[in-house]
């Protein structure tokens, strides 16, 4: 999944009608303090998570597009006063939910969403889902599918919720395609990796559980764990008697975040300890619970190091590698280079792999990690945040095609580092 386009009609202090297109790999956001860089990352996270619940009391309107291997999802999200909603009927506006009028909440705003799924393989295969605070409805290839009145938080995980509900009502072929999409996307949405130690602290506060529901083991809080960890946890507690805590050595999973951190940080070894807090037998429809995630390391000279003794940069490195193990499709990282040696910044960028990344840094080193094969790739991979005036306090822009062509020629010549080229042009 890739986020290809974001059109912000209005949002907080941003200049109206801001349109950004994104590259499929590393996207770097530059700008001075106070220009909205963190706000942009938080908005990207909300879009990818399809979670606008934190904006229930804010007026905003935006459109965005998500691209998959064989389909596109176009989404329009609004939370506006009644007078601002389009009055058009049918397919015209996000305020229209197929005869389900949006209801104003106590703070005077009407949330609504329209999500359109288009499959490449068949031009006429299109699913349109509309929702407001009073219900949802869908149509398939121009024909009404179903509608349902309900009172719900339409801005909370809205797109994935709509896809899940639509899959319950539609014909088998469409239903199977939606289920495939959900399996691919629901766990991909990442939070913002913050500029301080918030992610490191959240690892220590993780509480995770899995429940037996019928014949399936249903995970709770899966997005907080590396993709391989639930299976490892279950394997450990299936032994009798169940131990009070579990221990993972760094060399038990050579490709995991712990092994990677031990190598990059120069330790001889490392362990992760997890407490087992609940052990009702799964065979009896029970539940397993885990918490107390904590790390310990040993230096090459044998000196033990607790996680509290790690330096600021080491904690950021460890938590970023953990973040990568959790999120296999995206990276949203604020001030990625903060506290890291240049070699570690390069290693982090390499470890992003094929993920679509949105990163900020006031350290010019990050710009040197960009690689381009053509000017359009350069244009879509750079976003400049500025403090403006007039209607918008913030302005988020990208290079013009002419600027991108000029900068790409300088980059390709290789006589001056890319970061120096961009800073000389006021971009960085």
Foldseek 3Di string as FASTA:
>chain_A
DAWAKKFWQDDPQEDGGAIAGAFQAFFEEEEDPPLCQVVVLQVVLCVLLLAPVVCQLPFTWMWTWDDDPFKIKIKIKGWAAPVPWDPDEDPDTQQHQPPQGFDADPNRIWIKMWIKMQGNVDRQFIKIKIDTQQWIFIATSPHGFDIDTDGDDCSGSNVLVRLVVVLVGDDDVSNVVSVVVCVVRNLQRDGEAEPFLPLLVVQQFDKWKWWQDPPDIRTDPLLNAQPPPVVVVVVQVVDPPRDQKDKDKLVVDCPALQVVLCVVVQFPIKMWMKGWDDPDDRVVRGMTMIHRTFMKTAHPVGDIDGPVRDDRLSSLSSSLRRNCSSHVAEHRYEQSCPPHDLVSLLVSSVSNPSHHYYYYHPDLSNVLNDDDDALVNQQNSYWYWYQDDDSHRIYIHTDDSVVSRVLVVVVVVVPDRSSVSCVVVVRD
